[in-house]
Amino acid sequence: MIQKDEQHFQKWISLPFALALVGFLFPLLTFSCSEKVIAEPNAYELAIGLDLEKELGEEEKQVVENMKKENPKAFEKDPLQLQSMPVLYGIMAAILIAGGFAFISPVGSLVLGIASLTGLWFFIYRLTDLVKQSQFSFITVEPHVGAYCVSMLLIIGISISIAFLIRPLLHKNKK
């Protein structure tokens, strides 16, 4: 049976997971062209889709226009539009459920926290790889502050879950 101080400690497990969802409001990725930032969308913007052409500055728009004139067929098939990325909804749902599991089972928080962290960085790696392999290889994609913020909060949530799980073992060894 969980003692009162353990119940209080268990409630704190959900805090980093809740803050991680807020951390998705920070820019998740940086899209750059010729070392100039084109867009810095957050996870919610990426989840619903983003038109990078609307984010371009005047100089970048001119570069894209020149490219369209040189190779118009390339832009017919694949405009500078990022489709919605529902995988981010899955990552966000896993983080939300991980926070909920904190009140039921810290093991669930631990597992979903690790899955969310792994899923987030696999998504970032895969997206950067896809952009490099596309016809828009001149655009570079890099993680931004949101990715690091969410990752750190997930690591804190995972650590607290582990601490809660091993705490009874430590008390048992002291006796």
N, C-alpha and C. Protein backbone atom coordinates (compact mmCIF):
# COMPACT_ATOMS: atom_id res chain seq x y z
N MET A 1 0.84 -1.19 0.00
CA MET A 1 0.00 0.00 0.00
C MET A 1 0.89 1.26 0.00
N ILE A 2 0.46 2.23 -0.75
CA ILE A 2 1.24 3.46 -0.88
C ILE A 2 1.00 4.35 0.33
N GLN A 3 2.10 4.81 0.94
CA GLN A 3 1.99 5.70 2.07
C GLN A 3 1.70 7.12 1.60
N LYS A 4 1.29 7.95 2.55
CA LYS A 4 0.86 9.32 2.22
C LYS A 4 1.99 10.14 1.56
N ASP A 5 3.22 10.04 2.07
CA ASP A 5 4.32 10.79 1.46
C ASP A 5 4.64 10.28 0.06
N GLU A 6 4.45 8.98 -0.17
CA GLU A 6 4.66 8.42 -1.50
C GLU A 6 3.58 8.90 -2.47
N GLN A 7 2.34 9.06 -1.99
CA GLN A 7 1.26 9.58 -2.83
C GLN A 7 1.58 11.02 -3.24
N HIS A 8 2.09 11.80 -2.32
CA HIS A 8 2.46 13.18 -2.62
C HIS A 8 3.57 13.21 -3.68
N PHE A 9 4.57 12.35 -3.49
CA PHE A 9 5.68 12.27 -4.46
C PHE A 9 5.18 11.79 -5.82
N GLN A 10 4.23 10.87 -5.81
CA GLN A 10 3.70 10.31 -7.06
C GLN A 10 2.98 11.38 -7.89
N LYS A 11 2.34 12.34 -7.24
CA LYS A 11 1.65 13.42 -7.96
C LYS A 11 2.61 14.28 -8.76
N TRP A 12 3.84 14.40 -8.28
CA TRP A 12 4.84 15.24 -8.96
C TRP A 12 5.30 14.63 -10.28
N ILE A 13 5.08 13.34 -10.46
CA ILE A 13 5.52 12.68 -11.70
C ILE A 13 4.83 13.30 -12.91
N SER A 14 3.57 13.69 -12.77
CA SER A 14 2.82 14.20 -13.92
C SER A 14 3.24 15.61 -14.34
N LEU A 15 3.85 16.38 -13.45
CA LEU A 15 4.20 17.77 -13.76
C LEU A 15 5.14 17.91 -14.97
N PRO A 16 6.25 17.19 -15.05
CA PRO A 16 7.11 17.35 -16.23
C PRO A 16 6.42 16.97 -17.54
N PHE A 17 5.53 15.98 -17.48
CA PHE A 17 4.82 15.58 -18.70
C PHE A 17 3.85 16.68 -19.14
N ALA A 18 3.19 17.33 -18.18
CA ALA A 18 2.30 18.44 -18.52
C ALA A 18 3.10 19.61 -19.09
N LEU A 19 4.24 19.89 -18.49
CA LEU A 19 5.09 20.97 -18.99
C LEU A 19 5.67 20.66 -20.37
N ALA A 20 5.88 19.38 -20.66
CA ALA A 20 6.38 18.99 -21.98
C ALA A 20 5.37 19.36 -23.06
N LEU A 21 4.08 19.21 -22.76
CA LEU A 21 3.06 19.62 -23.73
C LEU A 21 3.09 21.12 -23.96
N VAL A 22 3.38 21.87 -22.92
CA VAL A 22 3.53 23.33 -23.07
C VAL A 22 4.81 23.63 -23.85
N GLY A 23 5.84 22.82 -23.64
CA GLY A 23 7.12 23.01 -24.34
C GLY A 23 6.98 22.88 -25.86
N PHE A 24 5.93 22.20 -26.31
CA PHE A 24 5.70 22.09 -27.75
C PHE A 24 5.29 23.42 -28.37
N LEU A 25 5.00 24.43 -27.55
CA LEU A 25 4.69 25.76 -28.08
C LEU A 25 5.94 26.49 -28.56
N PHE A 26 7.10 26.09 -28.06
CA PHE A 26 8.36 26.66 -28.53
C PHE A 26 8.66 26.10 -29.92
N PRO A 27 9.46 26.81 -30.71
CA PRO A 27 9.81 26.28 -32.04
C PRO A 27 10.47 24.91 -31.93
N LEU A 28 9.94 23.96 -32.66
CA LEU A 28 10.45 22.59 -32.60
C LEU A 28 11.62 22.40 -33.57
N LEU A 29 11.49 22.99 -34.75
CA LEU A 29 12.50 22.83 -35.80
C LEU A 29 12.82 24.17 -36.42
N THR A 30 14.00 24.25 -37.01
CA THR A 30 14.40 25.42 -37.78
C THR A 30 14.59 24.98 -39.23
N PHE A 31 13.90 25.64 -40.13
CA PHE A 31 14.08 25.41 -41.56
C PHE A 31 14.91 26.58 -42.08
N SER A 32 16.06 26.26 -42.68
CA SER A 32 16.97 27.29 -43.15
C SER A 32 17.30 27.07 -44.62
N CYS A 33 17.60 28.17 -45.30
CA CYS A 33 18.03 28.14 -46.69
C CYS A 33 19.20 29.10 -46.79
N SER A 34 20.34 28.60 -47.24
CA SER A 34 21.55 29.43 -47.34
C SER A 34 21.85 30.12 -46.01
N GLU A 35 21.74 29.36 -44.95
CA GLU A 35 22.02 29.82 -43.59
C GLU A 35 21.10 30.94 -43.11
N LYS A 36 19.99 31.16 -43.81
CA LYS A 36 18.99 32.12 -43.37
C LYS A 36 17.75 31.34 -42.94
N VAL A 37 17.25 31.68 -41.78
CA VAL A 37 16.10 30.98 -41.23
C VAL A 37 14.86 31.30 -42.07
N ILE A 38 14.19 30.25 -42.54
CA ILE A 38 12.95 30.41 -43.30
C ILE A 38 11.76 30.35 -42.35
N ALA A 39 11.75 29.32 -41.50
CA ALA A 39 10.62 29.12 -40.60
C ALA A 39 11.09 28.44 -39.33
N GLU A 40 10.39 28.72 -38.24
CA GLU A 40 10.63 28.09 -36.95
C GLU A 40 9.29 27.64 -36.37
N PRO A 41 8.69 26.61 -36.96
CA PRO A 41 7.36 26.19 -36.50
C PRO A 41 7.42 25.41 -35.20
N ASN A 42 6.35 25.53 -34.42
CA ASN A 42 6.26 24.70 -33.21
C ASN A 42 5.59 23.38 -33.60
N ALA A 43 5.48 22.48 -32.66
CA ALA A 43 4.95 21.14 -32.95
C ALA A 43 3.48 21.19 -33.38
N TYR A 44 2.72 22.11 -32.82
CA TYR A 44 1.31 22.20 -33.17
C TYR A 44 1.14 22.67 -34.61
N GLU A 45 1.97 23.62 -35.04
CA GLU A 45 1.92 24.07 -36.44
C GLU A 45 2.33 22.96 -37.39
N LEU A 46 3.35 22.19 -37.02
CA LEU A 46 3.77 21.07 -37.85
C LEU A 46 2.70 19.99 -37.91
N ALA A 47 2.02 19.78 -36.81
CA ALA A 47 0.99 18.74 -36.77
C ALA A 47 -0.16 19.05 -37.73
N ILE A 48 -0.52 20.32 -37.86
CA ILE A 48 -1.64 20.67 -38.74
C ILE A 48 -1.19 20.96 -40.17
N GLY A 49 0.11 21.14 -40.40
CA GLY A 49 0.63 21.42 -41.73
C GLY A 49 1.12 22.86 -41.82
N LEU A 50 2.04 23.09 -42.73
CA LEU A 50 2.68 24.40 -42.81
C LEU A 50 3.08 24.68 -44.25
N ASP A 51 2.80 25.88 -44.72
CA ASP A 51 3.21 26.31 -46.04
C ASP A 51 4.48 27.15 -45.87
N LEU A 52 5.62 26.55 -46.20
CA LEU A 52 6.89 27.24 -46.01
C LEU A 52 7.02 28.46 -46.91
N GLU A 53 6.35 28.44 -48.05
CA GLU A 53 6.47 29.57 -48.97
C GLU A 53 5.91 30.85 -48.36
N LYS A 54 4.89 30.72 -47.51
CA LYS A 54 4.33 31.89 -46.83
C LYS A 54 5.28 32.44 -45.77
N GLU A 55 6.19 31.60 -45.31
CA GLU A 55 7.12 32.00 -44.27
C GLU A 55 8.38 32.66 -44.81
N LEU A 56 8.59 32.60 -46.12
CA LEU A 56 9.81 33.11 -46.72
C LEU A 56 9.89 34.63 -46.65
N GLY A 57 11.10 35.13 -46.48
CA GLY A 57 11.35 36.57 -46.57
C GLY A 57 11.48 36.95 -48.04
N GLU A 58 11.63 38.22 -48.32
CA GLU A 58 11.69 38.71 -49.71
C GLU A 58 12.87 38.10 -50.48
N GLU A 59 14.03 38.04 -49.85
CA GLU A 59 15.21 37.49 -50.52
C GLU A 59 15.04 36.01 -50.83
N GLU A 60 14.48 35.26 -49.87
CA GLU A 60 14.27 33.83 -50.07
C GLU A 60 13.19 33.58 -51.12
N LYS A 61 12.16 34.44 -51.14
CA LYS A 61 11.11 34.30 -52.16
C LYS A 61 11.70 34.48 -53.55
N GLN A 62 12.64 35.41 -53.69
CA GLN A 62 13.28 35.64 -54.99
C GLN A 62 14.09 34.42 -55.41
N VAL A 63 14.79 33.80 -54.46
CA VAL A 63 15.56 32.59 -54.76
C VAL A 63 14.63 31.48 -55.23
N VAL A 64 13.51 31.29 -54.54
CA VAL A 64 12.55 30.26 -54.91
C VAL A 64 11.94 30.57 -56.28
N GLU A 65 11.62 31.82 -56.55
CA GLU A 65 11.07 32.20 -57.85
C GLU A 65 12.05 31.89 -58.98
N ASN A 66 13.32 32.17 -58.75
CA ASN A 66 14.35 31.84 -59.74
C ASN A 66 14.43 30.34 -59.97
N MET A 67 14.31 29.58 -58.89
CA MET A 67 14.34 28.12 -59.02
C MET A 67 13.12 27.62 -59.77
N LYS A 68 11.97 28.24 -59.54
CA LYS A 68 10.75 27.85 -60.25
C LYS A 68 10.89 28.12 -61.75
N LYS A 69 11.54 29.22 -62.09
CA LYS A 69 11.74 29.55 -63.51
C LYS A 69 12.69 28.56 -64.16
N GLU A 70 13.74 28.15 -63.41
CA GLU A 70 14.72 27.21 -63.94
C GLU A 70 14.15 25.81 -64.10
N ASN A 71 13.33 25.39 -63.15
CA ASN A 71 12.80 24.03 -63.17
C ASN A 71 11.35 24.03 -62.67
N PRO A 72 10.39 24.48 -63.50
CA PRO A 72 9.01 24.59 -63.04
C PRO A 72 8.35 23.24 -62.72
N LYS A 73 8.79 22.18 -63.38
CA LYS A 73 8.19 20.86 -63.13
C LYS A 73 8.46 20.36 -61.71
N ALA A 74 9.61 20.73 -61.17
CA ALA A 74 9.97 20.29 -59.82
C ALA A 74 9.00 20.83 -58.78
N PHE A 75 8.50 22.03 -58.99
CA PHE A 75 7.62 22.65 -58.01
C PHE A 75 6.15 22.27 -58.22
N GLU A 76 5.82 21.70 -59.40
CA GLU A 76 4.44 21.25 -59.62
C GLU A 76 4.13 20.05 -58.74
N LYS A 77 5.09 19.15 -58.67
CA LYS A 77 4.89 17.90 -57.94
C LYS A 77 4.95 18.08 -56.43
N ASP A 78 5.84 18.90 -55.96
CA ASP A 78 6.11 19.00 -54.53
C ASP A 78 6.36 20.45 -54.13
N PRO A 79 5.30 21.25 -53.91
CA PRO A 79 5.53 22.64 -53.51
C PRO A 79 6.15 22.71 -52.12
N LEU A 80 6.49 23.90 -51.72
CA LEU A 80 7.09 24.10 -50.39
C LEU A 80 6.02 24.03 -49.31
N GLN A 81 5.33 22.93 -49.29
CA GLN A 81 4.22 22.74 -48.36
C GLN A 81 4.51 21.50 -47.52
N LEU A 82 4.45 21.65 -46.23
CA LEU A 82 4.59 20.50 -45.34
C LEU A 82 3.19 20.01 -45.00
N GLN A 83 2.92 18.78 -45.34
CA GLN A 83 1.62 18.20 -45.03
C GLN A 83 1.48 18.05 -43.52
N SER A 84 0.25 17.84 -43.08
CA SER A 84 0.05 17.63 -41.64
C SER A 84 0.82 16.37 -41.22
N MET A 85 1.29 16.39 -40.02
CA MET A 85 2.10 15.29 -39.51
C MET A 85 1.43 14.70 -38.27
N PRO A 86 0.49 13.77 -38.51
CA PRO A 86 -0.27 13.22 -37.38
C PRO A 86 0.57 12.45 -36.37
N VAL A 87 1.79 12.08 -36.73
CA VAL A 87 2.66 11.39 -35.77
C VAL A 87 2.90 12.27 -34.55
N LEU A 88 2.90 13.58 -34.75
CA LEU A 88 3.07 14.49 -33.61
C LEU A 88 1.88 14.42 -32.67
N TYR A 89 0.68 14.21 -33.21
CA TYR A 89 -0.50 14.03 -32.35
C TYR A 89 -0.32 12.78 -31.49
N GLY A 90 0.25 11.73 -32.09
CA GLY A 90 0.51 10.51 -31.33
C GLY A 90 1.51 10.71 -30.21
N ILE A 91 2.56 11.47 -30.50
CA ILE A 91 3.57 11.77 -29.48
C ILE A 91 2.95 12.60 -28.35
N MET A 92 2.15 13.59 -28.73
CA MET A 92 1.49 14.43 -27.72
C MET A 92 0.51 13.61 -26.88
N ALA A 93 -0.23 12.71 -27.53
CA ALA A 93 -1.17 11.86 -26.80
C ALA A 93 -0.42 10.94 -25.84
N ALA A 94 0.71 10.41 -26.27
CA ALA A 94 1.50 9.53 -25.40
C ALA A 94 2.00 10.29 -24.18
N ILE A 95 2.41 11.55 -24.38
CA ILE A 95 2.87 12.38 -23.25
C ILE A 95 1.71 12.67 -22.30
N LEU A 96 0.55 12.98 -22.85
CA LEU A 96 -0.64 13.24 -22.03
C LEU A 96 -1.02 12.00 -21.22
N ILE A 97 -1.01 10.85 -21.86
CA ILE A 97 -1.35 9.60 -21.17
C ILE A 97 -0.28 9.27 -20.13
N ALA A 98 0.99 9.55 -20.44
CA ALA A 98 2.07 9.32 -19.47
C ALA A 98 1.83 10.13 -18.21
N GLY A 99 1.39 11.37 -18.38
CA GLY A 99 1.06 12.20 -17.21
C GLY A 99 -0.10 11.63 -16.42
N GLY A 100 -1.07 11.08 -17.12
CA GLY A 100 -2.21 10.45 -16.45
C GLY A 100 -1.83 9.18 -15.72
N PHE A 101 -0.94 8.41 -16.32
CA PHE A 101 -0.49 7.18 -15.69
C PHE A 101 0.28 7.45 -14.39
N ALA A 102 0.78 8.65 -14.22
CA ALA A 102 1.51 8.97 -12.99
C ALA A 102 0.65 8.75 -11.76
N PHE A 103 -0.66 8.94 -11.89
CA PHE A 103 -1.57 8.75 -10.75
C PHE A 103 -1.96 7.30 -10.57
N ILE A 104 -1.74 6.48 -11.59
CA ILE A 104 -2.14 5.08 -11.53
C ILE A 104 -0.93 4.17 -11.36
N SER A 105 -0.02 4.29 -12.32
CA SER A 105 1.14 3.41 -12.34
C SER A 105 2.35 4.14 -12.90
N PRO A 106 3.35 4.41 -12.09
CA PRO A 106 4.56 5.07 -12.59
C PRO A 106 5.27 4.25 -13.68
N VAL A 107 5.01 2.95 -13.72
CA VAL A 107 5.60 2.13 -14.78
C VAL A 107 5.05 2.58 -16.13
N GLY A 108 3.76 2.88 -16.18
CA GLY A 108 3.15 3.39 -17.41
C GLY A 108 3.74 4.72 -17.82
N SER A 109 3.96 5.60 -16.85
CA SER A 109 4.59 6.89 -17.14
C SER A 109 5.99 6.69 -17.68
N LEU A 110 6.70 5.77 -17.07
CA LEU A 110 8.07 5.48 -17.50
C LEU A 110 8.10 4.98 -18.94
N VAL A 111 7.28 4.01 -19.24
CA VAL A 111 7.26 3.41 -20.58
C VAL A 111 6.81 4.44 -21.63
N LEU A 112 5.73 5.14 -21.35
CA LEU A 112 5.24 6.13 -22.33
C LEU A 112 6.18 7.33 -22.44
N GLY A 113 6.84 7.69 -21.36
CA GLY A 113 7.83 8.77 -21.43
C GLY A 113 8.99 8.40 -22.33
N ILE A 114 9.50 7.19 -22.17
CA ILE A 114 10.59 6.72 -23.02
C ILE A 114 10.13 6.61 -24.47
N ALA A 115 8.92 6.09 -24.68
CA ALA A 115 8.38 5.98 -26.04
C ALA A 115 8.20 7.35 -26.68
N SER A 116 7.74 8.33 -25.91
CA SER A 116 7.55 9.69 -26.44
C SER A 116 8.88 10.33 -26.81
N LEU A 117 9.85 10.19 -25.94
CA LEU A 117 11.17 10.77 -26.19
C LEU A 117 11.80 10.14 -27.43
N THR A 118 11.74 8.83 -27.51
CA THR A 118 12.29 8.13 -28.67
C THR A 118 11.53 8.51 -29.95
N GLY A 119 10.21 8.55 -29.86
CA GLY A 119 9.39 8.91 -31.01
C GLY A 119 9.67 10.32 -31.51
N LEU A 120 9.84 11.26 -30.58
CA LEU A 120 10.12 12.64 -30.95
C LEU A 120 11.43 12.75 -31.73
N TRP A 121 12.48 12.13 -31.22
CA TRP A 121 13.77 12.25 -31.90
C TRP A 121 13.82 11.41 -33.18
N PHE A 122 13.09 10.31 -33.23
CA PHE A 122 13.00 9.57 -34.49
C PHE A 122 12.27 10.41 -35.53
N PHE A 123 11.22 11.10 -35.13
CA PHE A 123 10.49 11.99 -36.04
C PHE A 123 11.41 13.08 -36.57
N ILE A 124 12.16 13.73 -35.68
CA ILE A 124 13.06 14.80 -36.10
C ILE A 124 14.13 14.27 -37.06
N TYR A 125 14.72 13.13 -36.71
CA TYR A 125 15.73 12.53 -37.58
C TYR A 125 15.14 12.19 -38.95
N ARG A 126 13.98 11.58 -38.93
CA ARG A 126 13.36 11.15 -40.20
C ARG A 126 12.97 12.35 -41.07
N LEU A 127 12.44 13.40 -40.46
CA LEU A 127 12.06 14.58 -41.23
C LEU A 127 13.28 15.25 -41.85
N THR A 128 14.36 15.39 -41.08
CA THR A 128 15.57 15.99 -41.63
C THR A 128 16.13 15.14 -42.76
N ASP A 129 16.05 13.83 -42.61
CA ASP A 129 16.53 12.92 -43.65
C ASP A 129 15.66 13.02 -44.91
N LEU A 130 14.35 13.11 -44.74
CA LEU A 130 13.46 13.23 -45.90
C LEU A 130 13.70 14.53 -46.66
N VAL A 131 13.92 15.62 -45.95
CA VAL A 131 14.17 16.90 -46.61
C VAL A 131 15.50 16.84 -47.37
N LYS A 132 16.52 16.22 -46.78
CA LYS A 132 17.81 16.09 -47.46
C LYS A 132 17.69 15.28 -48.75
N GLN A 133 16.83 14.28 -48.75
CA GLN A 133 16.69 13.41 -49.91
C GLN A 133 15.70 13.97 -50.95
N SER A 134 14.97 14.99 -50.60
CA SER A 134 13.99 15.56 -51.52
C SER A 134 14.67 16.50 -52.51
N GLN A 135 13.87 17.04 -53.41
CA GLN A 135 14.39 18.01 -54.36
C GLN A 135 14.73 19.33 -53.69
N PHE A 136 14.28 19.49 -52.45
CA PHE A 136 14.56 20.72 -51.70
C PHE A 136 15.71 20.51 -50.74
N SER A 137 16.73 19.84 -51.22
CA SER A 137 17.88 19.55 -50.36
C SER A 137 18.63 20.82 -49.96
N PHE A 138 18.32 21.94 -50.59
CA PHE A 138 18.93 23.21 -50.22
C PHE A 138 18.37 23.75 -48.91
N ILE A 139 17.27 23.16 -48.44
CA ILE A 139 16.68 23.54 -47.15
C ILE A 139 17.25 22.62 -46.08
N THR A 140 17.76 23.20 -45.03
CA THR A 140 18.26 22.39 -43.91
C THR A 140 17.26 22.46 -42.76
N VAL A 141 17.11 21.34 -42.10
CA VAL A 141 16.19 21.23 -40.97
C VAL A 141 17.01 20.82 -39.76
N GLU A 142 16.87 21.58 -38.69
CA GLU A 142 17.60 21.30 -37.45
C GLU A 142 16.66 21.41 -36.26
N PRO A 143 16.92 20.65 -35.20
CA PRO A 143 16.11 20.80 -33.99
C PRO A 143 16.29 22.20 -33.41
N HIS A 144 15.23 22.68 -32.78
CA HIS A 144 15.28 24.01 -32.17
C HIS A 144 14.99 23.87 -30.67
N VAL A 145 14.84 24.96 -30.00
CA VAL A 145 14.71 24.99 -28.54
C VAL A 145 13.53 24.13 -28.04
N GLY A 146 12.46 24.05 -28.77
CA GLY A 146 11.31 23.25 -28.35
C GLY A 146 11.65 21.78 -28.24
N ALA A 147 12.42 21.28 -29.18
CA ALA A 147 12.82 19.87 -29.14
C ALA A 147 13.66 19.58 -27.90
N TYR A 148 14.57 20.48 -27.58
CA TYR A 148 15.42 20.28 -26.41
C TYR A 148 14.64 20.46 -25.10
N CYS A 149 13.74 21.42 -25.08
CA CYS A 149 12.91 21.67 -23.90
C CYS A 149 12.03 20.46 -23.59
N VAL A 150 11.32 19.99 -24.61
CA VAL A 150 10.44 18.83 -24.43
C VAL A 150 11.26 17.61 -24.03
N SER A 151 12.41 17.42 -24.66
CA SER A 151 13.26 16.28 -24.33
C SER A 151 13.71 16.32 -22.88
N MET A 152 14.14 17.48 -22.42
CA MET A 152 14.61 17.60 -21.03
C MET A 152 13.47 17.33 -20.06
N LEU A 153 12.27 17.86 -20.36
CA LEU A 153 11.13 17.62 -19.46
C LEU A 153 10.73 16.15 -19.45
N LEU A 154 10.81 15.50 -20.59
CA LEU A 154 10.52 14.06 -20.63
C LEU A 154 11.56 13.28 -19.83
N ILE A 155 12.81 13.66 -19.95
CA ILE A 155 13.87 12.99 -19.18
C ILE A 155 13.64 13.18 -17.68
N ILE A 156 13.22 14.37 -17.28
CA ILE A 156 12.92 14.62 -15.87
C ILE A 156 11.75 13.75 -15.42
N GLY A 157 10.69 13.66 -16.24
CA GLY A 157 9.54 12.81 -15.91
C GLY A 157 9.93 11.34 -15.81
N ILE A 158 10.77 10.90 -16.72
CA ILE A 158 11.25 9.51 -16.70
C ILE A 158 12.08 9.28 -15.43
N SER A 159 12.92 10.23 -15.09
CA SER A 159 13.77 10.10 -13.90
C SER A 159 12.94 10.04 -12.62
N ILE A 160 11.92 10.88 -12.54
CA ILE A 160 11.06 10.87 -11.35
C ILE A 160 10.31 9.53 -11.27
N SER A 161 9.87 9.02 -12.40
CA SER A 161 9.19 7.71 -12.41
C SER A 161 10.12 6.62 -11.91
N ILE A 162 11.36 6.64 -12.38
CA ILE A 162 12.34 5.65 -11.93
C ILE A 162 12.60 5.80 -10.43
N ALA A 163 12.75 7.05 -9.99
CA ALA A 163 12.99 7.29 -8.56
C ALA A 163 11.84 6.76 -7.71
N PHE A 164 10.60 6.96 -8.17
CA PHE A 164 9.46 6.47 -7.43
C PHE A 164 9.45 4.95 -7.39
N LEU A 165 9.85 4.32 -8.48
CA LEU A 165 9.84 2.86 -8.54
C LEU A 165 10.95 2.23 -7.70
N ILE A 166 12.12 2.86 -7.63
CA ILE A 166 13.21 2.24 -6.86
C ILE A 166 13.24 2.67 -5.40
N ARG A 167 12.46 3.67 -5.06
CA ARG A 167 12.43 4.17 -3.69
C ARG A 167 12.09 3.07 -2.66
N PRO A 168 11.05 2.25 -2.89
CA PRO A 168 10.77 1.18 -1.92
C PRO A 168 11.92 0.17 -1.79
N LEU A 169 12.64 -0.06 -2.88
CA LEU A 169 13.76 -0.98 -2.82
C LEU A 169 14.88 -0.43 -1.93
N LEU A 170 15.09 0.87 -2.00
CA LEU A 170 16.11 1.48 -1.17
C LEU A 170 15.75 1.44 0.30
N HIS A 171 14.45 1.68 0.60
CA HIS A 171 14.02 1.62 2.00
C HIS A 171 14.07 0.20 2.54
N LYS A 172 13.81 -0.78 1.68
CA LYS A 172 13.83 -2.17 2.09
C LYS A 172 15.25 -2.59 2.43
N ASN A 173 16.23 -2.13 1.69
CA ASN A 173 17.64 -2.47 1.95
C ASN A 173 18.18 -1.81 3.21
N LYS A 174 17.62 -0.67 3.61
CA LYS A 174 18.06 0.01 4.82
C LYS A 174 17.61 -0.74 6.08
N LYS A 175 16.51 -1.44 5.98
CA LYS A 175 15.98 -2.17 7.14
C LYS A 175 16.68 -3.42 7.34
